[in-house]
C-alpha atoms as a PDB file:
ATOM      1  CA  UNK A   1     -38.556   6.839  13.627  1.00  0.00           C
ATOM      2  CA  UNK A   2     -38.620   4.187  16.327  1.00  0.00           C
ATOM      3  CA  UNK A   3     -41.473   3.594  18.691  1.00  0.00           C
ATOM      4  CA  UNK A   4     -40.935   2.414  22.215  1.00  0.00           C
ATOM      5  CA  UNK A   5     -43.690   0.440  23.813  1.00  0.00           C
ATOM      6  CA  UNK A   6     -44.080   0.410  27.529  1.00  0.00           C
ATOM      7  CA  UNK A   7     -45.349  -2.968  28.531  1.00  0.00           C
ATOM      8  CA  UNK A   8     -46.881  -3.547  31.887  1.00  0.00           C
ATOM      9  CA  UNK A   9     -46.079  -6.967  33.276  1.00  0.00           C
ATOM     10  CA  UNK A  10     -48.462  -8.206  35.920  1.00  0.00           C
ATOM     11  CA  UNK A  11     -47.314 -10.966  38.260  1.00  0.00           C
ATOM     12  CA  UNK A  12     -49.321 -13.416  40.289  1.00  0.00           C
ATOM     13  CA  UNK A  13     -48.368 -13.957  43.903  1.00  0.00           C
ATOM     14  CA  UNK A  14     -46.497 -17.144  42.938  1.00  0.00           C
ATOM     15  CA  UNK A  15     -44.534 -15.365  40.201  1.00  0.00           C
ATOM     16  CA  UNK A  16     -43.675 -12.466  42.529  1.00  0.00           C
ATOM     17  CA  UNK A  17     -42.416 -14.898  45.188  1.00  0.00           C
ATOM     18  CA  UNK A  18     -40.182 -16.601  42.610  1.00  0.00           C
ATOM     19  CA  UNK A  19     -38.692 -13.234  41.568  1.00  0.00           C
ATOM     20  CA  UNK A  20     -37.780 -12.167  45.100  1.00  0.00           C
ATOM     21  CA  UNK A  21     -35.737 -14.703  47.082  1.00  0.00           C
ATOM     22  CA  UNK A  22     -36.640 -14.732  50.749  1.00  0.00           C
ATOM     23  CA  UNK A  23     -40.134 -13.319  50.235  1.00  0.00           C
ATOM     24  CA  UNK A  24     -42.745 -16.046  50.602  1.00  0.00           C
ATOM     25  CA  UNK A  25     -46.077 -16.388  48.844  1.00  0.00           C
ATOM     26  CA  UNK A  26     -47.783 -16.141  52.223  1.00  0.00           C
ATOM     27  CA  UNK A  27     -46.106 -12.821  53.054  1.00  0.00           C
ATOM     28  CA  UNK A  28     -46.890 -11.319  49.644  1.00  0.00           C
ATOM     29  CA  UNK A  29     -50.541 -12.390  49.967  1.00  0.00           C
ATOM     30  CA  UNK A  30     -50.742 -10.838  53.447  1.00  0.00           C
ATOM     31  CA  UNK A  31     -49.243  -7.574  52.165  1.00  0.00           C
ATOM     32  CA  UNK A  32     -51.858  -7.489  49.375  1.00  0.00           C
ATOM     33  CA  UNK A  33     -54.760  -8.215  51.727  1.00  0.00           C
ATOM     34  CA  UNK A  34     -53.654  -5.558  54.234  1.00  0.00           C
ATOM     35  CA  UNK A  35     -53.136  -2.968  51.499  1.00  0.00           C
ATOM     36  CA  UNK A  36     -49.390  -2.692  52.121  1.00  0.00           C
ATOM     37  CA  UNK A  37     -48.545  -3.827  48.573  1.00  0.00           C
ATOM     38  CA  UNK A  38     -50.263  -2.031  45.684  1.00  0.00           C
ATOM     39  CA  UNK A  39     -52.109  -4.681  43.680  1.00  0.00           C
ATOM     40  CA  UNK A  40     -55.173  -5.423  41.591  1.00  0.00           C
ATOM     41  CA  UNK A  41     -57.668  -8.112  42.492  1.00  0.00           C
ATOM     42  CA  UNK A  42     -58.846 -10.021  39.434  1.00  0.00           C
ATOM     43  CA  UNK A  43     -61.426 -12.548  40.531  1.00  0.00           C
ATOM     44  CA  UNK A  44     -59.767 -14.563  43.276  1.00  0.00           C
ATOM     45  CA  UNK A  45     -56.221 -13.646  42.206  1.00  0.00           C
ATOM     46  CA  UNK A  46     -54.075 -10.745  43.248  1.00  0.00           C
ATOM     47  CA  UNK A  47     -52.003  -9.255  40.425  1.00  0.00           C
ATOM     48  CA  UNK A  48     -48.949  -7.149  41.162  1.00  0.00           C
ATOM     49  CA  UNK A  49     -47.271  -4.885  38.625  1.00  0.00           C
ATOM     50  CA  UNK A  50     -43.632  -5.929  38.280  1.00  0.00           C
ATOM     51  CA  UNK A  51     -42.386  -2.316  38.226  1.00  0.00           C
ATOM     52  CA  UNK A  52     -44.424  -1.480  41.346  1.00  0.00           C
ATOM     53  CA  UNK A  53     -43.051  -4.550  43.139  1.00  0.00           C
ATOM     54  CA  UNK A  54     -39.463  -3.535  42.376  1.00  0.00           C
ATOM     55  CA  UNK A  55     -40.113   0.078  43.417  1.00  0.00           C
ATOM     56  CA  UNK A  56     -41.859  -1.069  46.630  1.00  0.00           C
ATOM     57  CA  UNK A  57     -38.892  -3.255  47.591  1.00  0.00           C
ATOM     58  CA  UNK A  58     -36.178  -0.742  46.705  1.00  0.00           C
ATOM     59  CA  UNK A  59     -37.957   2.379  48.014  1.00  0.00           C
ATOM     60  CA  UNK A  60     -40.202   1.326  50.908  1.00  0.00           C
ATOM     61  CA  UNK A  61     -43.026   3.745  51.707  1.00  0.00           C
ATOM     62  CA  UNK A  62     -42.540   6.086  54.638  1.00  0.00           C
ATOM     63  CA  UNK A  63     -44.968   5.202  57.444  1.00  0.00           C
ATOM     64  CA  UNK A  64     -47.458   7.916  58.309  1.00  0.00           C
ATOM     65  CA  UNK A  65     -47.163   9.582  61.679  1.00  0.00           C
ATOM     66  CA  UNK A  66     -50.285   9.247  63.816  1.00  0.00           C
ATOM     67  CA  UNK A  67     -52.235  12.463  63.994  1.00  0.00           C
ATOM     68  CA  UNK A  68     -53.304  13.730  67.398  1.00  0.00           C
ATOM     69  CA  UNK A  69     -57.056  13.509  67.863  1.00  0.00           C
ATOM     70  CA  UNK A  70     -57.193  16.603  70.139  1.00  0.00           C
ATOM     71  CA  UNK A  71     -59.898  15.052  72.293  1.00  0.00           C
ATOM     72  CA  UNK A  72     -60.096  15.324  76.061  1.00  0.00           C
ATOM     73  CA  UNK A  73     -59.397  12.101  77.878  1.00  0.00           C
ATOM     74  CA  UNK A  74     -59.830  11.127  81.464  1.00  0.00           C
ATOM     75  CA  UNK A  75     -56.527  10.522  83.222  1.00  0.00           C
ATOM     76  CA  UNK A  76     -56.537   7.912  85.955  1.00  0.00           C
ATOM     77  CA  UNK A  77     -54.835   9.006  89.180  1.00  0.00           C
END
């Protein structure tokens, strides 16, 4: 009987930038700060799961459509 172990590999921003050509450390950091990239903050570092990074880049999230607020607004004439 063989056991398979699922290992979770966490990447720093620098390691993630090295894995993805054309994606800078600055851009990855901005995506983490804005909440665009799922990540974990450990102290001062942002850690990104390697599998999540690959899934995020291959299957980008669908942007949410703005919901109407159904409030009355004054229209300037």
